[in-house]
Amino acid sequence: MMINKRLIGTVPESKRYVAGNVILQWCSLLANIAMMTAITRLLAALYLNAADGAMPTETGLTALCAVVIRFFCTTGSARMGYLSSRAVKRTLRAAIYEKLLRLGASYNEQVKTSEIVQVAVEGVDQLETYFGAYLPQFFYAMLAPVTLFAVLCRVNLPASLVLLVCVPLIPVAIAAVQTWAKKLLSKYWGQYTALGDTFLENLQGLTTLKIYQADEAKNEEMNVQAEKFRRITMKVLTMQLNSITIMDLIAYGGAALGVIMAATQYRAGHVTLGGALLIILLAAEEETVELEGCTLSLDGAVLWSGPVGERSMELCLRAETLRFWEKGGCQFEHITATDDLGSHYASEYEWSMKAADFRRHIYVYLDGWGPFYQNYRVQVRGIAPEAEWIRLEYRLLGRSFSLNVDLTKEAEA
């Protein structure tokens, strides 16, 4: 279910933050439309030698105003997302604590301690993405296509209809993926809590297990459970990778159809050059990840093999933001990774603390910067020859992102 009414009703305070986030994103979209309209008019006039002396100045002022508006809207929407997630975590953790107080000291007769810890910590943290990013994007994704259609239908109706018709395919695909993923995620969480409960129980009774020499048997039992959890984790990651591929195919496929239709309409003389450029610019989007006002994009990757068969990879990660005063807010040395074989690639922080295998790790360093961007080189060491994809992940202080890299498509160096 894409909208959980009971969950949203539990935290009514978050509704106004979600609404504010959507409104600010919509205002940013309107500013972007105004800027693109002015730019395409100028380009068309220059191409047709019909531009007057005042047009460049007017376009520049329009673009400047649009950038300023988008700056404040982007900053405001990030703030709304933070306030929403903060309210959710505070309310739900308080509710869990009050429930435990009502149950009293015998709470562990009804619920396991490890499950409480997992739900109160990681379980609640997962809702940060739901309230801070998913819900605003869900409503914005319904509002933005209607707004674009209202603008572009005056430019060219067939092209705008193509863009609008492709929109319902996205929630249909999401619903199909959720139907497939619901049972899988239920099994994943069940095995996750079971493994945590077994680990805590064995740790608390370690002295007793040592006395009765049963620690080896419990070790084998935990190994079996850990292997089951590894397998279900790989299934979840594969499902997520496949769902991302489906979403990208639908989203970018719709944009490509809109671009093709705009070019066809321009060739047939049904739309002006400026109108065709406007449709193309508003339909095309770059593949990026949003991280608290910081836009991340993967600019390229190179894969090479070492003398013992293990591979290494270097990626170019670009971080762009209008909030230049927050440089360093995202500590990219905390990037970790997993592959389809279940191997974990430690962050610089983990292996510097000797908390992980040094042979498989990630090293990140700054490769260039400017007022509104930073370029990073990300080196992944110790990739197994059989690995087919790697998932980069970052989670720190409420900020998170993930990027999937298909190793079968990267060039051998």
Protein backbone atom coordinates (compact mmCIF):
# COMPACT_ATOMS: atom_id res chain seq x y z
CA MET A 1 0.00 0.00 0.00
CA MET A 2 1.57 3.27 -1.11
CA ILE A 3 -0.27 5.42 1.47
CA ASN A 4 -0.60 4.04 5.00
CA LYS A 5 -3.43 6.09 6.54
CA ARG A 6 -3.00 4.57 10.00
CA LEU A 7 0.70 5.42 10.06
CA ILE A 8 0.09 8.97 8.85
CA GLY A 9 -2.73 9.39 11.37
CA THR A 10 -0.35 8.35 14.15
CA VAL A 11 1.81 11.38 13.39
CA PRO A 12 -0.64 14.14 12.34
CA GLU A 13 2.05 16.77 12.88
CA SER A 14 3.90 15.52 9.81
CA LYS A 15 1.01 16.37 7.45
CA ARG A 16 1.74 20.10 7.35
CA TYR A 17 5.43 19.46 6.72
CA VAL A 18 4.64 17.08 3.87
CA ALA A 19 2.19 19.62 2.39
CA GLY A 20 4.76 22.40 2.73
CA ASN A 21 7.38 20.22 1.04
CA VAL A 22 5.07 19.54 -1.91
CA ILE A 23 4.11 23.22 -2.28
CA LEU A 24 7.74 24.34 -2.26
CA GLN A 25 8.68 21.73 -4.87
CA TRP A 26 5.75 22.86 -7.01
CA CYS A 27 6.87 26.52 -6.75
CA SER A 28 10.35 25.42 -7.78
CA LEU A 29 8.83 23.67 -10.80
CA LEU A 30 6.96 26.84 -11.81
CA ALA A 31 10.17 28.84 -11.54
CA ASN A 32 11.95 26.27 -13.70
CA ILE A 33 9.17 26.43 -16.32
CA ALA A 34 9.44 30.23 -16.42
CA MET A 35 13.20 30.06 -16.83
CA MET A 36 13.06 27.41 -19.57
CA THR A 37 10.36 29.36 -21.41
CA ALA A 38 12.48 32.51 -21.43
CA ILE A 39 15.62 30.65 -22.52
CA THR A 40 13.91 28.76 -25.35
CA ARG A 41 12.32 31.96 -26.65
CA LEU A 42 15.73 33.62 -26.72
CA LEU A 43 17.38 30.66 -28.47
CA ALA A 44 14.61 30.50 -31.08
CA ALA A 45 14.81 34.25 -31.67
CA LEU A 46 18.59 34.13 -32.06
CA TYR A 47 18.33 31.23 -34.51
CA LEU A 48 15.75 33.13 -36.58
CA ASN A 49 17.63 36.45 -36.24
CA ALA A 50 14.52 37.96 -34.64
CA ALA A 51 15.96 38.88 -31.23
CA ASP A 52 15.87 42.52 -30.15
CA GLY A 53 18.32 44.23 -27.81
CA ALA A 54 16.16 43.90 -24.71
CA MET A 55 15.48 40.16 -25.02
CA PRO A 56 18.85 38.92 -23.58
CA THR A 57 18.47 41.26 -20.60
CA GLU A 58 14.90 40.13 -19.95
CA THR A 59 15.92 36.47 -20.24
CA GLY A 60 18.83 37.00 -17.85
CA LEU A 61 16.62 38.68 -15.26
CA THR A 62 14.00 35.95 -15.57
CA ALA A 63 16.63 33.24 -15.16
CA LEU A 64 18.16 35.03 -12.16
CA CYS A 65 14.79 35.36 -10.43
CA ALA A 66 14.00 31.71 -11.18
CA VAL A 67 17.35 30.55 -9.72
CA VAL A 68 16.77 32.59 -6.55
CA ILE A 69 13.25 31.18 -6.17
CA ARG A 70 14.47 27.62 -6.73
CA PHE A 71 17.26 28.20 -4.21
CA PHE A 72 14.83 29.14 -1.45
CA CYS A 73 12.34 26.44 -2.47
CA THR A 74 15.00 23.71 -2.48
CA THR A 75 16.33 24.82 0.90
CA GLY A 76 12.80 25.06 2.29
CA SER A 77 11.74 21.63 1.00
CA ALA A 78 14.84 20.03 2.54
CA ARG A 79 13.99 21.76 5.82
CA MET A 80 10.39 20.49 5.64
CA GLY A 81 11.63 16.95 5.02
CA TYR A 82 13.90 17.17 8.06
CA LEU A 83 11.12 18.55 10.30
CA SER A 84 8.72 15.85 9.12
CA SER A 85 11.14 12.99 9.80
CA ARG A 86 12.11 14.50 13.17
CA ALA A 87 8.48 14.70 14.26
CA VAL A 88 7.86 11.10 13.16
CA LYS A 89 10.85 9.67 15.01
CA ARG A 90 10.09 11.62 18.18
CA THR A 91 6.40 10.64 18.20
CA LEU A 92 6.88 6.94 17.39
CA ARG A 93 9.74 6.39 19.82
CA ALA A 94 7.74 8.10 22.55
CA ALA A 95 4.79 5.82 21.73
CA ILE A 96 7.00 2.73 21.92
CA TYR A 97 8.43 3.84 25.26
CA GLU A 98 4.98 4.54 26.70
CA LYS A 99 3.80 1.12 25.53
CA LEU A 100 6.73 -0.55 27.31
CA LEU A 101 5.91 1.37 30.50
CA ARG A 102 2.32 0.11 30.33
CA LEU A 103 3.51 -3.48 29.86
CA GLY A 104 5.81 -3.18 32.85
CA ALA A 105 8.82 -5.30 33.76
CA SER A 106 7.25 -8.41 32.20
CA TYR A 107 7.22 -6.88 28.69
CA ASN A 108 9.63 -9.56 27.42
CA GLU A 109 6.91 -12.18 27.92
CA GLN A 110 4.94 -10.57 25.07
CA VAL A 111 7.69 -9.20 22.82
CA LYS A 112 11.37 -9.95 22.46
CA THR A 113 13.94 -7.40 23.61
CA SER A 114 15.91 -7.58 20.36
CA GLU A 115 12.75 -6.90 18.35
CA ILE A 116 11.98 -3.83 20.46
CA VAL A 117 15.48 -2.48 19.90
CA GLN A 118 15.34 -3.13 16.16
CA VAL A 119 11.92 -1.52 15.77
CA ALA A 120 12.71 1.49 17.97
CA VAL A 121 16.07 2.19 16.33
CA GLU A 122 16.37 0.98 12.75
CA GLY A 123 12.66 0.45 12.16
CA VAL A 124 11.81 4.04 13.08
CA ASP A 125 14.82 5.35 11.13
CA GLN A 126 13.47 3.69 8.00
CA LEU A 127 10.33 5.83 8.30
CA GLU A 128 12.47 8.94 7.91
CA THR A 129 12.71 8.23 4.19
CA TYR A 130 8.98 7.50 3.98
CA PHE A 131 7.86 10.79 5.54
CA GLY A 132 10.77 12.99 4.52
CA ALA A 133 11.15 11.89 0.90
CA TYR A 134 8.61 9.32 -0.31
CA LEU A 135 5.33 11.01 0.67
CA PRO A 136 6.31 14.48 -0.67
CA GLN A 137 7.57 12.93 -3.90
CA PHE A 138 4.43 10.82 -4.23
CA PHE A 139 2.11 13.83 -4.15
CA TYR A 140 4.49 15.99 -6.15
CA ALA A 141 4.68 13.28 -8.81
CA MET A 142 0.91 13.60 -9.26
CA LEU A 143 0.92 17.41 -9.27
CA ALA A 144 3.93 18.02 -11.54
CA PRO A 145 2.66 16.15 -14.68
CA VAL A 146 -0.68 17.97 -14.52
CA THR A 147 1.14 21.30 -14.24
CA LEU A 148 3.43 20.47 -17.15
CA PHE A 149 0.47 19.35 -19.25
CA ALA A 150 -1.38 22.61 -18.52
CA VAL A 151 1.67 24.53 -19.74
CA LEU A 152 2.72 22.35 -22.70
CA CYS A 153 -0.76 21.72 -24.12
CA ARG A 154 -0.77 25.35 -25.24
CA VAL A 155 2.51 24.71 -27.05
CA ASN A 156 1.66 21.38 -28.67
CA LEU A 157 -1.20 19.11 -27.61
CA PRO A 158 0.00 15.74 -29.07
CA ALA A 159 3.43 15.93 -27.39
CA SER A 160 1.96 17.00 -24.05
CA LEU A 161 -0.59 14.17 -24.25
CA VAL A 162 2.20 11.62 -24.78
CA LEU A 163 3.98 12.89 -21.66
CA LEU A 164 0.76 12.84 -19.65
CA VAL A 165 -0.33 9.35 -20.76
CA CYS A 166 3.00 7.85 -19.64
CA VAL A 167 2.54 9.19 -16.09
CA PRO A 168 -0.09 6.62 -14.87
CA LEU A 169 2.25 3.81 -15.92
CA ILE A 170 4.63 4.72 -13.10
CA PRO A 171 2.22 4.14 -10.15
CA VAL A 172 0.93 1.02 -11.92
CA ALA A 173 4.49 -0.29 -12.06
CA ILE A 174 5.05 0.68 -8.42
CA ALA A 175 1.90 -1.20 -7.37
CA ALA A 176 3.04 -4.27 -9.33
CA VAL A 177 6.49 -4.18 -7.73
CA GLN A 178 4.98 -3.73 -4.26
CA THR A 179 2.74 -6.74 -4.75
CA TRP A 180 5.81 -8.76 -5.64
CA ALA A 181 7.94 -7.31 -2.84
CA LYS A 182 5.41 -7.44 0.02
CA LYS A 183 5.91 -11.12 0.89
CA LEU A 184 9.66 -10.91 0.31
CA LEU A 185 10.08 -7.93 2.64
CA SER A 186 7.90 -9.62 5.26
CA LYS A 187 10.21 -12.66 5.21
CA TYR A 188 13.25 -10.36 5.29
CA TRP A 189 12.10 -8.53 8.41
CA GLY A 190 11.07 -11.79 10.10
CA GLN A 191 14.48 -13.35 9.56
CA TYR A 192 16.18 -10.11 10.56
CA THR A 193 14.43 -9.97 13.94
CA ALA A 194 14.90 -13.71 14.46
CA LEU A 195 18.64 -13.42 13.86
CA GLY A 196 18.87 -10.46 16.24
CA ASP A 197 16.94 -12.32 18.91
CA THR A 198 19.14 -15.41 18.59
CA PHE A 199 22.30 -13.32 18.78
CA LEU A 200 21.13 -11.46 21.90
CA GLU A 201 19.98 -14.67 23.59
CA ASN A 202 23.26 -16.45 22.91
CA LEU A 203 25.27 -13.44 24.02
CA GLN A 204 23.37 -13.16 27.30
CA GLY A 205 23.76 -16.91 27.95
CA LEU A 206 27.34 -17.22 26.72
CA THR A 207 28.69 -18.18 30.14
CA THR A 208 26.10 -20.96 30.50
CA LEU A 209 26.82 -22.21 26.97
CA LYS A 210 30.54 -22.35 27.76
CA ILE A 211 29.93 -24.28 30.97
CA TYR A 212 27.84 -26.93 29.19
CA GLN A 213 30.09 -26.83 26.07
CA ALA A 214 27.11 -25.95 23.88
CA ASP A 215 28.67 -22.83 22.38
CA GLU A 216 29.85 -24.64 19.25
CA ALA A 217 26.35 -25.94 18.52
CA LYS A 218 24.88 -22.45 18.97
CA ASN A 219 27.60 -21.09 16.71
CA GLU A 220 26.58 -23.50 13.96
CA GLU A 221 22.92 -22.57 14.51
CA MET A 222 23.73 -18.86 14.14
CA ASN A 223 25.76 -19.57 11.01
CA VAL A 224 22.76 -21.27 9.45
CA GLN A 225 20.48 -18.35 10.34
CA ALA A 226 23.06 -15.84 9.09
CA GLU A 227 23.27 -17.67 5.75
CA LYS A 228 19.47 -17.60 5.43
CA PHE A 229 19.49 -13.89 6.18
CA ARG A 230 22.25 -13.32 3.61
CA ARG A 231 20.21 -15.09 0.95
CA ILE A 232 17.02 -13.15 1.70
CA THR A 233 19.06 -9.91 1.73
CA MET A 234 20.42 -10.70 -1.72
CA LYS A 235 16.88 -11.38 -2.94
CA VAL A 236 15.74 -8.00 -1.57
CA LEU A 237 18.67 -6.20 -3.20
CA THR A 238 17.99 -7.95 -6.51
CA MET A 239 14.33 -6.99 -6.26
CA GLN A 240 15.27 -3.37 -5.58
CA LEU A 241 17.68 -3.32 -8.51
CA ASN A 242 15.06 -4.78 -10.84
CA SER A 243 12.42 -2.31 -9.62
CA ILE A 244 14.79 0.61 -10.21
CA THR A 245 15.40 -0.66 -13.74
CA ILE A 246 11.65 -0.87 -14.39
CA MET A 247 11.02 2.64 -13.01
CA ASP A 248 13.86 4.11 -15.06
CA LEU A 249 12.64 2.37 -18.19
CA ILE A 250 9.12 3.78 -17.77
CA ALA A 251 10.18 7.28 -16.69
CA TYR A 252 12.91 7.81 -19.26
CA GLY A 253 10.95 5.96 -21.91
CA GLY A 254 8.08 8.41 -21.48
CA ALA A 255 10.46 11.36 -21.64
CA ALA A 256 12.08 9.93 -24.79
CA LEU A 257 8.67 9.50 -26.45
CA GLY A 258 7.86 13.12 -25.59
CA VAL A 259 11.13 14.31 -27.14
CA ILE A 260 10.54 12.23 -30.28
CA MET A 261 6.99 13.56 -30.57
CA ALA A 262 8.22 17.16 -30.17
CA ALA A 263 10.81 16.66 -32.92
CA THR A 264 8.19 15.06 -35.19
CA GLN A 265 5.72 17.89 -34.60
CA TYR A 266 8.41 20.50 -35.30
CA ARG A 267 9.39 18.76 -38.53
CA ALA A 268 5.73 18.73 -39.61
CA GLY A 269 5.44 22.45 -38.80
CA HIS A 270 2.89 22.01 -36.01
CA VAL A 271 5.07 23.62 -33.34
CA THR A 272 7.61 26.43 -33.32
CA LEU A 273 11.30 25.95 -32.63
CA GLY A 274 10.95 27.57 -29.22
CA GLY A 275 8.02 25.32 -28.34
CA ALA A 276 9.90 22.19 -29.41
CA LEU A 277 12.93 23.18 -27.32
CA LEU A 278 10.68 23.88 -24.33
CA ILE A 279 9.09 20.41 -24.55
CA ILE A 280 12.50 18.75 -24.86
CA LEU A 281 14.02 20.63 -21.92
CA LEU A 282 11.05 20.00 -19.63
CA ALA A 283 10.72 16.32 -20.61
CA ALA A 284 14.37 15.32 -20.24
CA GLU A 285 15.84 14.70 -16.80
CA GLU A 286 19.27 13.58 -15.61
CA GLU A 287 19.64 10.42 -13.48
CA THR A 288 20.48 11.76 -10.03
CA VAL A 289 19.95 11.15 -6.34
CA GLU A 290 18.69 13.86 -3.98
CA LEU A 291 20.43 14.06 -0.60
CA GLU A 292 19.17 16.85 1.68
CA GLY A 293 19.48 19.59 -0.94
CA CYS A 294 22.59 17.98 -2.48
CA THR A 295 22.22 16.47 -5.95
CA LEU A 296 24.48 13.45 -6.55
CA SER A 297 25.25 12.02 -9.97
CA LEU A 298 27.47 9.21 -11.17
CA ASP A 299 29.63 10.64 -13.98
CA GLY A 300 31.50 7.46 -14.89
CA ALA A 301 33.20 4.29 -13.70
CA VAL A 302 36.27 2.25 -14.69
CA LEU A 303 36.81 -1.41 -13.75
CA TRP A 304 40.15 -3.26 -13.88
CA SER A 305 41.52 -6.66 -12.82
CA GLY A 306 44.42 -7.25 -10.46
CA PRO A 307 47.13 -9.94 -10.64
CA VAL A 308 45.26 -12.36 -8.36
CA GLY A 309 41.92 -12.10 -10.12
CA GLU A 310 40.21 -9.65 -7.78
CA ARG A 311 39.00 -6.45 -9.39
CA SER A 312 39.01 -2.79 -8.47
CA MET A 313 36.75 0.03 -9.62
CA GLU A 314 37.00 3.80 -9.63
CA LEU A 315 33.88 5.96 -9.85
CA CYS A 316 33.45 9.69 -10.39
CA LEU A 317 30.81 11.05 -8.02
CA ARG A 318 29.64 14.65 -8.43
CA ALA A 319 27.80 16.48 -5.63
CA GLU A 320 26.03 19.71 -6.58
CA THR A 321 24.27 22.03 -4.16
CA LEU A 322 23.11 25.62 -3.92
CA ARG A 323 23.74 25.47 -0.18
CA PHE A 324 27.47 26.16 -0.50
CA TRP A 325 27.77 27.03 3.20
CA GLU A 326 27.13 23.39 4.10
CA LYS A 327 30.25 21.96 2.48
CA GLY A 328 31.40 18.95 4.44
CA GLY A 329 27.90 18.27 5.75
CA CYS A 330 27.91 14.93 3.92
CA GLN A 331 30.86 12.86 5.13
CA PHE A 332 31.47 10.65 2.11
CA GLU A 333 34.13 8.59 3.90
CA HIS A 334 31.15 6.76 5.40
CA ILE A 335 30.17 5.24 2.03
CA THR A 336 29.90 1.45 2.18
CA ALA A 337 28.92 -1.11 -0.44
CA THR A 338 27.57 -4.61 -0.91
CA ASP A 339 27.60 -6.79 -4.01
CA ASP A 340 25.32 -9.51 -5.33
CA LEU A 341 27.49 -12.18 -3.65
CA GLY A 342 26.81 -10.74 -0.20
CA SER A 343 30.30 -9.27 0.29
CA HIS A 344 30.58 -6.10 2.37
CA TYR A 345 32.98 -3.34 1.34
CA ALA A 346 33.89 -1.28 4.38
CA SER A 347 34.01 2.48 4.59
CA GLU A 348 37.20 4.33 5.47
CA TYR A 349 35.77 4.85 8.94
CA GLU A 350 35.16 1.12 9.47
CA TRP A 351 38.55 -0.16 8.36
CA SER A 352 40.40 2.70 10.08
CA MET A 353 38.75 1.47 13.31
CA LYS A 354 39.80 -2.11 12.41
CA ALA A 355 36.15 -3.10 12.34
CA ALA A 356 36.20 -4.80 8.93
CA ASP A 357 38.25 -6.78 6.44
CA PHE A 358 40.88 -4.47 4.90
CA ARG A 359 40.98 -6.44 1.64
CA ARG A 360 37.52 -5.22 0.65
CA HIS A 361 37.04 -1.54 1.27
CA ILE A 362 36.18 1.84 -0.27
CA TYR A 363 38.45 4.85 -0.41
CA VAL A 364 37.01 8.30 -1.18
CA TYR A 365 38.97 11.47 -1.87
CA LEU A 366 38.12 14.96 -3.12
CA ASP A 367 39.05 15.42 -6.78
CA GLY A 368 37.88 19.00 -7.38
CA TRP A 369 35.47 21.60 -6.11
CA GLY A 370 33.79 24.89 -6.87
CA PRO A 371 31.29 27.24 -5.22
CA PHE A 372 28.35 24.93 -5.94
CA TYR A 373 29.85 21.48 -6.56
CA GLN A 374 32.34 18.89 -5.35
CA ASN A 375 33.86 16.02 -7.35
CA TYR A 376 34.84 12.81 -5.57
CA ARG A 377 36.83 9.77 -6.64
CA VAL A 378 35.47 6.57 -5.13
CA GLN A 379 37.78 3.53 -5.30
CA VAL A 380 36.33 0.10 -4.51
CA ARG A 381 38.98 -2.55 -3.79
CA GLY A 382 38.80 -6.34 -3.65
CA ILE A 383 35.80 -6.99 -5.93
CA ALA A 384 35.30 -10.71 -6.56
CA PRO A 385 35.52 -11.80 -10.25
CA GLU A 386 32.03 -13.34 -9.99
CA ALA A 387 30.32 -10.15 -8.75
CA GLU A 388 27.87 -8.66 -11.26
CA TRP A 389 26.78 -5.47 -9.47
CA ILE A 390 27.64 -3.29 -6.51
CA ARG A 391 25.34 -1.09 -4.44
CA LEU A 392 26.92 2.01 -2.87
CA GLU A 393 25.21 3.18 0.30
CA TYR A 394 25.56 6.18 2.60
CA ARG A 395 23.70 6.70 5.86
CA LEU A 396 24.80 9.15 8.51
CA LEU A 397 22.99 11.65 10.76
CA GLY A 398 19.66 11.18 9.01
CA ARG A 399 21.10 11.55 5.50
CA SER A 400 21.16 8.64 3.10
CA PHE A 401 21.48 7.67 -0.55
CA SER A 402 22.21 4.60 -2.64
CA LEU A 403 23.54 4.03 -6.15
CA ASN A 404 23.68 0.77 -8.12
CA VAL A 405 26.58 0.06 -10.48
CA ASP A 406 26.32 -2.77 -13.01
CA LEU A 407 29.78 -4.36 -13.22
CA THR A 408 28.94 -6.25 -16.41
CA LYS A 409 28.56 -2.97 -18.31
CA GLU A 410 31.73 -1.21 -17.13
CA ALA A 411 34.73 -1.17 -19.45
CA GLU A 412 37.73 -3.32 -18.59
CA ALA A 413 40.93 -1.23 -18.26
